[in-house]
C-alpha atoms as a PDB file:
ATOM      1  CA  UNK A   1       8.808 -31.630  38.428  1.00  0.00           C
ATOM      2  CA  UNK A   2      11.417 -33.289  40.640  1.00  0.00           C
ATOM      3  CA  UNK A   3      11.645 -36.459  42.664  1.00  0.00           C
ATOM      4  CA  UNK A   4      13.210 -36.608  46.118  1.00  0.00           C
ATOM      5  CA  UNK A   5      16.203 -38.931  46.387  1.00  0.00           C
ATOM      6  CA  UNK A   6      16.950 -41.449  49.134  1.00  0.00           C
ATOM      7  CA  UNK A   7      13.331 -42.436  49.771  1.00  0.00           C
ATOM      8  CA  UNK A   8      12.772 -39.258  51.746  1.00  0.00           C
ATOM      9  CA  UNK A   9       9.457 -37.436  52.008  1.00  0.00           C
ATOM     10  CA  UNK A  10       8.611 -33.863  51.075  1.00  0.00           C
ATOM     11  CA  UNK A  11       8.006 -33.164  54.773  1.00  0.00           C
ATOM     12  CA  UNK A  12      11.522 -34.408  55.614  1.00  0.00           C
ATOM     13  CA  UNK A  13      13.106 -32.039  53.068  1.00  0.00           C
ATOM     14  CA  UNK A  14      10.904 -29.178  54.230  1.00  0.00           C
ATOM     15  CA  UNK A  15      11.842 -29.663  57.894  1.00  0.00           C
ATOM     16  CA  UNK A  16      15.517 -30.494  57.412  1.00  0.00           C
ATOM     17  CA  UNK A  17      16.367 -27.740  54.910  1.00  0.00           C
ATOM     18  CA  UNK A  18      13.700 -25.108  55.769  1.00  0.00           C
ATOM     19  CA  UNK A  19      13.025 -24.934  52.070  1.00  0.00           C
ATOM     20  CA  UNK A  20       9.892 -24.379  49.983  1.00  0.00           C
ATOM     21  CA  UNK A  21       6.202 -24.431  50.836  1.00  0.00           C
ATOM     22  CA  UNK A  22       4.664 -27.749  51.872  1.00  0.00           C
ATOM     23  CA  UNK A  23       1.195 -28.574  50.546  1.00  0.00           C
ATOM     24  CA  UNK A  24       0.239 -32.108  51.472  1.00  0.00           C
ATOM     25  CA  UNK A  25       2.813 -34.447  49.964  1.00  0.00           C
ATOM     26  CA  UNK A  26       4.052 -31.802  47.514  1.00  0.00           C
ATOM     27  CA  UNK A  27       6.890 -29.365  48.139  1.00  0.00           C
ATOM     28  CA  UNK A  28       6.681 -26.191  46.060  1.00  0.00           C
ATOM     29  CA  UNK A  29      10.099 -24.681  45.429  1.00  0.00           C
ATOM     30  CA  UNK A  30      11.456 -21.409  44.090  1.00  0.00           C
ATOM     31  CA  UNK A  31      14.360 -21.503  41.553  1.00  0.00           C
ATOM     32  CA  UNK A  32      17.152 -20.862  44.108  1.00  0.00           C
ATOM     33  CA  UNK A  33      15.715 -23.607  46.312  1.00  0.00           C
ATOM     34  CA  UNK A  34      15.582 -26.014  43.368  1.00  0.00           C
ATOM     35  CA  UNK A  35      19.222 -25.385  42.515  1.00  0.00           C
ATOM     36  CA  UNK A  36      20.282 -25.714  46.150  1.00  0.00           C
ATOM     37  CA  UNK A  37      18.540 -29.071  46.642  1.00  0.00           C
ATOM     38  CA  UNK A  38      19.800 -30.309  43.275  1.00  0.00           C
ATOM     39  CA  UNK A  39      23.321 -29.251  44.271  1.00  0.00           C
ATOM     40  CA  UNK A  40      22.861 -31.130  47.553  1.00  0.00           C
ATOM     41  CA  UNK A  41      21.694 -34.179  45.509  1.00  0.00           C
ATOM     42  CA  UNK A  42      18.380 -34.264  47.329  1.00  0.00           C
ATOM     43  CA  UNK A  43      16.231 -33.993  44.209  1.00  0.00           C
ATOM     44  CA  UNK A  44      16.381 -35.244  40.609  1.00  0.00           C
ATOM     45  CA  UNK A  45      14.374 -33.941  37.659  1.00  0.00           C
ATOM     46  CA  UNK A  46      11.667 -36.179  36.223  1.00  0.00           C
ATOM     47  CA  UNK A  47      12.832 -35.072  32.776  1.00  0.00           C
ATOM     48  CA  UNK A  48      16.434 -36.386  32.682  1.00  0.00           C
ATOM     49  CA  UNK A  49      17.464 -33.530  30.382  1.00  0.00           C
ATOM     50  CA  UNK A  50      17.346 -31.193  33.379  1.00  0.00           C
ATOM     51  CA  UNK A  51      19.649 -33.361  35.460  1.00  0.00           C
ATOM     52  CA  UNK A  52      22.464 -31.632  33.618  1.00  0.00           C
ATOM     53  CA  UNK A  53      23.503 -28.962  36.141  1.00  0.00           C
ATOM     54  CA  UNK A  54      24.518 -26.405  33.519  1.00  0.00           C
ATOM     55  CA  UNK A  55      21.220 -26.692  31.670  1.00  0.00           C
ATOM     56  CA  UNK A  56      19.228 -26.542  34.904  1.00  0.00           C
ATOM     57  CA  UNK A  57      21.033 -23.359  36.014  1.00  0.00           C
ATOM     58  CA  UNK A  58      20.498 -21.724  32.610  1.00  0.00           C
ATOM     59  CA  UNK A  59      16.819 -22.669  32.671  1.00  0.00           C
ATOM     60  CA  UNK A  60      16.169 -21.488  36.223  1.00  0.00           C
ATOM     61  CA  UNK A  61      18.188 -18.254  36.405  1.00  0.00           C
ATOM     62  CA  UNK A  62      19.184 -15.230  34.356  1.00  0.00           C
ATOM     63  CA  UNK A  63      22.861 -14.308  34.253  1.00  0.00           C
ATOM     64  CA  UNK A  64      22.427 -11.378  36.654  1.00  0.00           C
ATOM     65  CA  UNK A  65      20.912 -13.765  39.226  1.00  0.00           C
ATOM     66  CA  UNK A  66      24.007 -15.961  39.503  1.00  0.00           C
ATOM     67  CA  UNK A  67      25.539 -13.805  42.309  1.00  0.00           C
ATOM     68  CA  UNK A  68      22.246 -14.301  44.187  1.00  0.00           C
ATOM     69  CA  UNK A  69      22.774 -18.046  43.912  1.00  0.00           C
ATOM     70  CA  UNK A  70      26.368 -17.766  45.189  1.00  0.00           C
ATOM     71  CA  UNK A  71      25.185 -15.763  48.195  1.00  0.00           C
ATOM     72  CA  UNK A  72      22.149 -17.981  48.848  1.00  0.00           C
ATOM     73  CA  UNK A  73      24.370 -21.073  48.799  1.00  0.00           C
ATOM     74  CA  UNK A  74      26.879 -19.620  51.286  1.00  0.00           C
ATOM     75  CA  UNK A  75      24.161 -18.503  53.686  1.00  0.00           C
ATOM     76  CA  UNK A  76      22.451 -21.893  53.532  1.00  0.00           C
ATOM     77  CA  UNK A  77      25.757 -23.696  54.140  1.00  0.00           C
ATOM     78  CA  UNK A  78      26.273 -21.463  57.196  1.00  0.00           C
ATOM     79  CA  UNK A  79      22.912 -22.628  58.554  1.00  0.00           C
ATOM     80  CA  UNK A  80      20.681 -19.625  57.897  1.00  0.00           C
ATOM     81  CA  UNK A  81      17.120 -19.673  56.641  1.00  0.00           C
ATOM     82  CA  UNK A  82      16.954 -17.657  53.434  1.00  0.00           C
ATOM     83  CA  UNK A  83      14.135 -16.334  51.275  1.00  0.00           C
ATOM     84  CA  UNK A  84      14.403 -14.327  48.115  1.00  0.00           C
ATOM     85  CA  UNK A  85      12.779 -10.902  47.868  1.00  0.00           C
ATOM     86  CA  UNK A  86      13.289  -9.564  44.345  1.00  0.00           C
ATOM     87  CA  UNK A  87      17.034  -9.045  43.922  1.00  0.00           C
ATOM     88  CA  UNK A  88      17.610  -9.170  47.693  1.00  0.00           C
ATOM     89  CA  UNK A  89      17.757 -12.014  50.179  1.00  0.00           C
ATOM     90  CA  UNK A  90      16.098 -12.097  53.592  1.00  0.00           C
ATOM     91  CA  UNK A  91      18.032 -14.254  56.049  1.00  0.00           C
ATOM     92  CA  UNK A  92      17.814 -15.228  59.700  1.00  0.00           C
ATOM     93  CA  UNK A  93      19.073 -17.903  62.030  1.00  0.00           C
ATOM     94  CA  UNK A  94      17.003 -21.059  62.317  1.00  0.00           C
ATOM     95  CA  UNK A  95      15.076 -19.842  65.357  1.00  0.00           C
ATOM     96  CA  UNK A  96      11.778 -18.258  64.336  1.00  0.00           C
ATOM     97  CA  UNK A  97      12.396 -15.485  66.902  1.00  0.00           C
ATOM     98  CA  UNK A  98      15.742 -14.444  65.382  1.00  0.00           C
ATOM     99  CA  UNK A  99      16.260 -11.109  63.613  1.00  0.00           C
ATOM    100  CA  UNK A 100      15.719 -10.972  59.855  1.00  0.00           C
ATOM    101  CA  UNK A 101      18.567  -9.366  57.885  1.00  0.00           C
ATOM    102  CA  UNK A 102      18.441  -7.921  54.383  1.00  0.00           C
ATOM    103  CA  UNK A 103      21.332  -9.041  52.184  1.00  0.00           C
ATOM    104  CA  UNK A 104      22.064  -7.093  49.012  1.00  0.00           C
ATOM    105  CA  UNK A 105      24.292  -8.736  46.417  1.00  0.00           C
ATOM    106  CA  UNK A 106      26.797  -7.010  44.112  1.00  0.00           C
ATOM    107  CA  UNK A 107      29.362  -8.296  41.643  1.00  0.00           C
ATOM    108  CA  UNK A 108      33.029  -7.391  41.944  1.00  0.00           C
ATOM    109  CA  UNK A 109      32.770  -4.880  39.066  1.00  0.00           C
ATOM    110  CA  UNK A 110      29.728  -3.082  40.531  1.00  0.00           C
ATOM    111  CA  UNK A 111      29.886   0.730  40.433  1.00  0.00           C
ATOM    112  CA  UNK A 112      27.893   3.098  42.619  1.00  0.00           C
ATOM    113  CA  UNK A 113      27.513   6.603  44.019  1.00  0.00           C
ATOM    114  CA  UNK A 114      27.911   7.425  47.723  1.00  0.00           C
ATOM    115  CA  UNK A 115      24.192   8.180  47.994  1.00  0.00           C
ATOM    116  CA  UNK A 116      23.420   4.564  47.074  1.00  0.00           C
ATOM    117  CA  UNK A 117      25.955   3.292  49.595  1.00  0.00           C
ATOM    118  CA  UNK A 118      24.389   5.446  52.316  1.00  0.00           C
ATOM    119  CA  UNK A 119      20.913   4.101  51.545  1.00  0.00           C
ATOM    120  CA  UNK A 120      22.267   0.596  52.200  1.00  0.00           C
ATOM    121  CA  UNK A 121      23.229   1.416  55.795  1.00  0.00           C
ATOM    122  CA  UNK A 122      22.117  -1.162  58.356  1.00  0.00           C
ATOM    123  CA  UNK A 123      22.104  -3.849  55.661  1.00  0.00           C
ATOM    124  CA  UNK A 124      24.533  -6.598  54.741  1.00  0.00           C
ATOM    125  CA  UNK A 125      26.313  -6.457  51.382  1.00  0.00           C
ATOM    126  CA  UNK A 126      27.444  -9.695  49.758  1.00  0.00           C
ATOM    127  CA  UNK A 127      30.184  -8.920  47.225  1.00  0.00           C
ATOM    128  CA  UNK A 128      30.597 -11.819  44.807  1.00  0.00           C
ATOM    129  CA  UNK A 129      33.800 -12.120  42.806  1.00  0.00           C
ATOM    130  CA  UNK A 130      34.094 -13.800  39.422  1.00  0.00           C
ATOM    131  CA  UNK A 131      35.455 -16.941  41.099  1.00  0.00           C
ATOM    132  CA  UNK A 132      32.126 -17.299  42.926  1.00  0.00           C
ATOM    133  CA  UNK A 133      33.626 -16.291  46.280  1.00  0.00           C
ATOM    134  CA  UNK A 134      31.380 -14.241  48.579  1.00  0.00           C
ATOM    135  CA  UNK A 135      32.593 -11.609  51.061  1.00  0.00           C
ATOM    136  CA  UNK A 136      30.078 -10.128  53.496  1.00  0.00           C
ATOM    137  CA  UNK A 137      30.228  -6.514  54.634  1.00  0.00           C
ATOM    138  CA  UNK A 138      28.269  -4.669  57.313  1.00  0.00           C
ATOM    139  CA  UNK A 139      27.411  -1.005  56.620  1.00  0.00           C
ATOM    140  CA  UNK A 140      26.408   1.447  59.349  1.00  0.00           C
ATOM    141  CA  UNK A 141      26.170   5.211  59.614  1.00  0.00           C
ATOM    142  CA  UNK A 142      28.720   6.612  62.052  1.00  0.00           C
ATOM    143  CA  UNK A 143      28.876   9.897  63.965  1.00  0.00           C
ATOM    144  CA  UNK A 144      32.366  11.341  64.354  1.00  0.00           C
ATOM    145  CA  UNK A 145      33.073  13.366  67.474  1.00  0.00           C
ATOM    146  CA  UNK A 146      36.576  14.109  68.691  1.00  0.00           C
ATOM    147  CA  UNK A 147      37.814  15.927  71.786  1.00  0.00           C
ATOM    148  CA  UNK A 148      40.170  18.400  70.111  1.00  0.00           C
ATOM    149  CA  UNK A 149      40.234  22.026  71.226  1.00  0.00           C
ATOM    150  CA  UNK A 150      39.991  23.778  67.874  1.00  0.00           C
ATOM    151  CA  UNK A 151      43.078  26.003  67.658  1.00  0.00           C
ATOM    152  CA  UNK A 152      43.231  29.631  66.650  1.00  0.00           C
ATOM    153  CA  UNK A 153      45.780  30.949  64.171  1.00  0.00           C
ATOM    154  CA  UNK A 154      46.694  34.556  65.039  1.00  0.00           C
ATOM    155  CA  UNK A 155      49.450  34.660  62.428  1.00  0.00           C
ATOM    156  CA  UNK A 156      49.026  34.082  58.730  1.00  0.00           C
ATOM    157  CA  UNK A 157      51.394  31.675  56.969  1.00  0.00           C
ATOM    158  CA  UNK A 158      53.752  32.844  54.227  1.00  0.00           C
ATOM    159  CA  UNK A 159      52.294  31.783  50.894  1.00  0.00           C
ATOM    160  CA  UNK A 160      54.461  29.971  48.392  1.00  0.00           C
ATOM    161  CA  UNK A 161      52.030  28.924  45.669  1.00  0.00           C
ATOM    162  CA  UNK A 162      49.278  26.586  46.872  1.00  0.00           C
ATOM    163  CA  UNK A 163      51.177  25.674  50.003  1.00  0.00           C
ATOM    164  CA  UNK A 164      52.625  27.929  52.688  1.00  0.00           C
ATOM    165  CA  UNK A 165      55.213  28.136  55.453  1.00  0.00           C
ATOM    166  CA  UNK A 166      54.525  28.977  59.084  1.00  0.00           C
ATOM    167  CA  UNK A 167      57.269  30.184  61.397  1.00  0.00           C
ATOM    168  CA  UNK A 168      55.261  31.021  64.522  1.00  0.00           C
ATOM    169  CA  UNK A 169      55.170  28.901  67.669  1.00  0.00           C
ATOM    170  CA  UNK A 170      51.377  28.719  67.993  1.00  0.00           C
ATOM    171  CA  UNK A 171      50.727  25.780  65.669  1.00  0.00           C
ATOM    172  CA  UNK A 172      49.623  22.472  67.201  1.00  0.00           C
ATOM    173  CA  UNK A 173      52.079  19.647  66.648  1.00  0.00           C
ATOM    174  CA  UNK A 174      49.670  17.874  64.314  1.00  0.00           C
ATOM    175  CA  UNK A 175      49.413  20.742  61.806  1.00  0.00           C
ATOM    176  CA  UNK A 176      51.736  20.672  58.800  1.00  0.00           C
ATOM    177  CA  UNK A 177      55.127  19.102  58.175  1.00  0.00           C
ATOM    178  CA  UNK A 178      57.066  19.880  61.325  1.00  0.00           C
ATOM    179  CA  UNK A 179      60.195  17.923  60.431  1.00  0.00           C
ATOM    180  CA  UNK A 180      62.269  21.089  60.884  1.00  0.00           C
ATOM    181  CA  UNK A 181      62.651  23.068  64.110  1.00  0.00           C
ATOM    182  CA  UNK A 182      62.230  26.656  62.942  1.00  0.00           C
ATOM    183  CA  UNK A 183      59.438  26.523  60.342  1.00  0.00           C
ATOM    184  CA  UNK A 184      56.483  24.331  59.351  1.00  0.00           C
ATOM    185  CA  UNK A 185      55.353  23.607  55.788  1.00  0.00           C
ATOM    186  CA  UNK A 186      51.563  23.491  55.458  1.00  0.00           C
ATOM    187  CA  UNK A 187      49.551  21.512  52.934  1.00  0.00           C
ATOM    188  CA  UNK A 188      47.097  23.086  50.492  1.00  0.00           C
ATOM    189  CA  UNK A 189      44.105  22.129  52.679  1.00  0.00           C
ATOM    190  CA  UNK A 190      45.743  23.496  55.827  1.00  0.00           C
ATOM    191  CA  UNK A 191      46.778  26.703  54.055  1.00  0.00           C
ATOM    192  CA  UNK A 192      43.284  27.368  52.721  1.00  0.00           C
ATOM    193  CA  UNK A 193      41.670  26.598  56.089  1.00  0.00           C
ATOM    194  CA  UNK A 194      43.972  28.904  58.084  1.00  0.00           C
ATOM    195  CA  UNK A 195      43.565  31.692  55.514  1.00  0.00           C
ATOM    196  CA  UNK A 196      39.763  31.370  55.665  1.00  0.00           C
ATOM    197  CA  UNK A 197      39.348  30.660  51.959  1.00  0.00           C
ATOM    198  CA  UNK A 198      36.103  29.234  50.590  1.00  0.00           C
ATOM    199  CA  UNK A 199      36.350  25.411  50.311  1.00  0.00           C
ATOM    200  CA  UNK A 200      36.673  23.894  46.857  1.00  0.00           C
ATOM    201  CA  UNK A 201      35.488  20.357  46.152  1.00  0.00           C
ATOM    202  CA  UNK A 202      34.129  17.589  48.318  1.00  0.00           C
ATOM    203  CA  UNK A 203      37.484  16.480  49.757  1.00  0.00           C
ATOM    204  CA  UNK A 204      38.030  19.950  51.214  1.00  0.00           C
ATOM    205  CA  UNK A 205      34.435  20.082  52.519  1.00  0.00           C
ATOM    206  CA  UNK A 206      34.975  16.784  54.344  1.00  0.00           C
ATOM    207  CA  UNK A 207      38.319  18.027  55.705  1.00  0.00           C
ATOM    208  CA  UNK A 208      36.647  21.073  57.238  1.00  0.00           C
ATOM    209  CA  UNK A 209      33.715  19.048  58.526  1.00  0.00           C
ATOM    210  CA  UNK A 210      36.139  16.705  60.313  1.00  0.00           C
ATOM    211  CA  UNK A 211      37.845  19.794  61.750  1.00  0.00           C
ATOM    212  CA  UNK A 212      34.486  21.052  63.068  1.00  0.00           C
ATOM    213  CA  UNK A 213      33.933  17.633  64.612  1.00  0.00           C
ATOM    214  CA  UNK A 214      37.099  18.241  66.669  1.00  0.00           C
ATOM    215  CA  UNK A 215      39.198  15.472  65.181  1.00  0.00           C
ATOM    216  CA  UNK A 216      42.909  15.551  64.390  1.00  0.00           C
ATOM    217  CA  UNK A 217      43.327  15.145  60.635  1.00  0.00           C
ATOM    218  CA  UNK A 218      46.439  13.852  58.915  1.00  0.00           C
ATOM    219  CA  UNK A 219      47.033  12.567  55.406  1.00  0.00           C
ATOM    220  CA  UNK A 220      45.991   8.986  54.708  1.00  0.00           C
ATOM    221  CA  UNK A 221      48.307   8.671  51.719  1.00  0.00           C
ATOM    222  CA  UNK A 222      50.324   5.734  53.080  1.00  0.00           C
ATOM    223  CA  UNK A 223      47.056   3.799  53.460  1.00  0.00           C
ATOM    224  CA  UNK A 224      45.681   4.743  50.053  1.00  0.00           C
ATOM    225  CA  UNK A 225      42.898   7.028  51.342  1.00  0.00           C
ATOM    226  CA  UNK A 226      42.335  10.738  51.894  1.00  0.00           C
ATOM    227  CA  UNK A 227      42.756  11.076  55.666  1.00  0.00           C
ATOM    228  CA  UNK A 228      43.594   9.308  58.879  1.00  0.00           C
ATOM    229  CA  UNK A 229      41.944  10.759  61.967  1.00  0.00           C
ATOM    230  CA  UNK A 230      42.615  10.817  65.704  1.00  0.00           C
ATOM    231  CA  UNK A 231      39.699  11.544  68.017  1.00  0.00           C
ATOM    232  CA  UNK A 232      41.539  12.297  71.245  1.00  0.00           C
ATOM    233  CA  UNK A 233      45.241  12.982  70.813  1.00  0.00           C
ATOM    234  CA  UNK A 234      47.983  12.509  68.277  1.00  0.00           C
ATOM    235  CA  UNK A 235      49.392   9.060  68.997  1.00  0.00           C
ATOM    236  CA  UNK A 236      51.130   6.336  67.055  1.00  0.00           C
ATOM    237  CA  UNK A 237      47.806   4.803  65.987  1.00  0.00           C
ATOM    238  CA  UNK A 238      44.935   6.665  64.320  1.00  0.00           C
ATOM    239  CA  UNK A 239      41.456   5.400  65.182  1.00  0.00           C
ATOM    240  CA  UNK A 240      40.149   5.506  61.631  1.00  0.00           C
ATOM    241  CA  UNK A 241      40.858   6.023  57.955  1.00  0.00           C
ATOM    242  CA  UNK A 242      38.567   8.215  55.854  1.00  0.00           C
ATOM    243  CA  UNK A 243      38.027   7.888  52.112  1.00  0.00           C
ATOM    244  CA  UNK A 244      35.971  10.521  50.280  1.00  0.00           C
ATOM    245  CA  UNK A 245      33.643   9.443  47.485  1.00  0.00           C
ATOM    246  CA  UNK A 246      33.520  12.455  45.195  1.00  0.00           C
ATOM    247  CA  UNK A 247      32.507  10.437  42.098  1.00  0.00           C
ATOM    248  CA  UNK A 248      31.163   7.012  41.252  1.00  0.00           C
ATOM    249  CA  UNK A 249      33.397   4.205  42.507  1.00  0.00           C
ATOM    250  CA  UNK A 250      33.851   0.492  41.933  1.00  0.00           C
ATOM    251  CA  UNK A 251      33.436  -2.071  44.693  1.00  0.00           C
ATOM    252  CA  UNK A 252      37.163  -2.724  44.265  1.00  0.00           C
ATOM    253  CA  UNK A 253      37.742   0.520  46.209  1.00  0.00           C
ATOM    254  CA  UNK A 254      35.635  -0.767  49.110  1.00  0.00           C
ATOM    255  CA  UNK A 255      37.309  -4.174  49.163  1.00  0.00           C
ATOM    256  CA  UNK A 256      40.825  -2.717  49.037  1.00  0.00           C
ATOM    257  CA  UNK A 257      40.222  -0.021  51.653  1.00  0.00           C
ATOM    258  CA  UNK A 258      38.421  -2.246  54.166  1.00  0.00           C
ATOM    259  CA  UNK A 259      41.106  -4.913  53.908  1.00  0.00           C
ATOM    260  CA  UNK A 260      43.924  -2.419  54.456  1.00  0.00           C
ATOM    261  CA  UNK A 261      42.113  -0.846  57.436  1.00  0.00           C
ATOM    262  CA  UNK A 262      41.498  -4.273  58.960  1.00  0.00           C
ATOM    263  CA  UNK A 263      45.158  -5.147  58.546  1.00  0.00           C
ATOM    264  CA  UNK A 264      46.265  -2.115  60.572  1.00  0.00           C
ATOM    265  CA  UNK A 265      43.360  -2.379  63.057  1.00  0.00           C
ATOM    266  CA  UNK A 266      41.578   0.838  62.145  1.00  0.00           C
ATOM    267  CA  UNK A 267      37.989   1.657  61.303  1.00  0.00           C
ATOM    268  CA  UNK A 268      37.311   2.263  57.610  1.00  0.00           C
ATOM    269  CA  UNK A 269      35.018   5.228  57.114  1.00  0.00           C
ATOM    270  CA  UNK A 270      33.624   6.476  53.811  1.00  0.00           C
ATOM    271  CA  UNK A 271      32.431  10.054  53.455  1.00  0.00           C
ATOM    272  CA  UNK A 272      30.197  11.660  50.857  1.00  0.00           C
ATOM    273  CA  UNK A 273      27.140  13.770  50.179  1.00  0.00           C
ATOM    274  CA  UNK A 274      23.601  12.589  50.826  1.00  0.00           C
ATOM    275  CA  UNK A 275      20.816  15.142  50.293  1.00  0.00           C
ATOM    276  CA  UNK A 276      23.535  17.831  50.187  1.00  0.00           C
ATOM    277  CA  UNK A 277      24.769  16.886  53.667  1.00  0.00           C
ATOM    278  CA  UNK A 278      28.104  15.240  54.487  1.00  0.00           C
ATOM    279  CA  UNK A 279      27.512  11.756  55.866  1.00  0.00           C
ATOM    280  CA  UNK A 280      29.835   9.018  57.097  1.00  0.00           C
ATOM    281  CA  UNK A 281      29.450   5.251  56.954  1.00  0.00           C
ATOM    282  CA  UNK A 282      31.677   2.611  58.484  1.00  0.00           C
ATOM    283  CA  UNK A 283      32.098  -0.617  56.525  1.00  0.00           C
ATOM    284  CA  UNK A 284      33.349  -3.805  58.193  1.00  0.00           C
ATOM    285  CA  UNK A 285      34.303  -7.073  56.572  1.00  0.00           C
ATOM    286  CA  UNK A 286      32.570  -9.945  58.345  1.00  0.00           C
ATOM    287  CA  UNK A 287      33.631 -13.473  59.199  1.00  0.00           C
ATOM    288  CA  UNK A 288      30.114 -14.626  58.511  1.00  0.00           C
ATOM    289  CA  UNK A 289      26.672 -13.177  58.092  1.00  0.00           C
ATOM    290  CA  UNK A 290      26.047 -11.826  61.590  1.00  0.00           C
ATOM    291  CA  UNK A 291      29.360 -12.207  63.448  1.00  0.00           C
ATOM    292  CA  UNK A 292      31.821  -9.432  64.175  1.00  0.00           C
ATOM    293  CA  UNK A 293      34.249  -8.209  61.560  1.00  0.00           C
ATOM    294  CA  UNK A 294      37.102 -10.481  60.555  1.00  0.00           C
ATOM    295  CA  UNK A 295      40.342 -10.227  62.500  1.00  0.00           C
ATOM    296  CA  UNK A 296      43.314  -9.675  60.242  1.00  0.00           C
ATOM    297  CA  UNK A 297      46.958  -8.846  60.550  1.00  0.00           C
ATOM    298  CA  UNK A 298      49.351  -7.338  58.066  1.00  0.00           C
ATOM    299  CA  UNK A 299      50.765 -10.749  57.125  1.00  0.00           C
ATOM    300  CA  UNK A 300      47.365 -11.566  55.625  1.00  0.00           C
ATOM    301  CA  UNK A 301      47.416  -8.605  53.220  1.00  0.00           C
END
């Protein structure tokens, strides 16, 4: 049982904060709503023991619900209406006609498989760090389609071990290490593709799938990911970075990759298997819950 501070009515709290269920002069609250109004100093417990914030939080929530509270608080501060649905939050702008978004919350040390990430497409992810800071991400499936004319390779490269050397003049400029004028050193993936060998491992499967999708593929090593891709022509700026999830990953990998991609103004795409099919999702870091992705520059990294 709580009392409303400042000589305000239950109806005033209900209308001002879009919180709880109003039944006559009584406002029925859920735990997150109680903590929010207590934090805002709009209610006080009848039993003074529970006016200790630490004790109230321990009484109302389990430890694994604390990230939900962090996310709920940030969304409420931003002006959204929020309701809890199990371990998810449903949020919308104050207008009753506005779209309802599902917000899933993870801690900074959360680990997951690509299949789980793919199932979260079209949702918002709130990643909560151990300082209580919340970063919102938007996840969407993406179709990759380039305009490359897939080249033919009439000559076979000279094998070294896993790599090879090509001395013909028929290679596109974006294949291999062409830092010398009279031969080109090919990578392992390029060598195996040109020689028609059966692909080994998910990274190679994604490489060949990107090739079939007519994109130009170069190493993403300098950006800490598997590939950078160009959809039209080889230029100074790739459109996207691609990271392959071939095992379970921590959310640290998402946070790091998305921030780097934002800093160099590229899309960050994650690839993996879902129902034995290669799928791609783009993840954007958001300024707020529904706005466009955050604008960053390299000085912010």
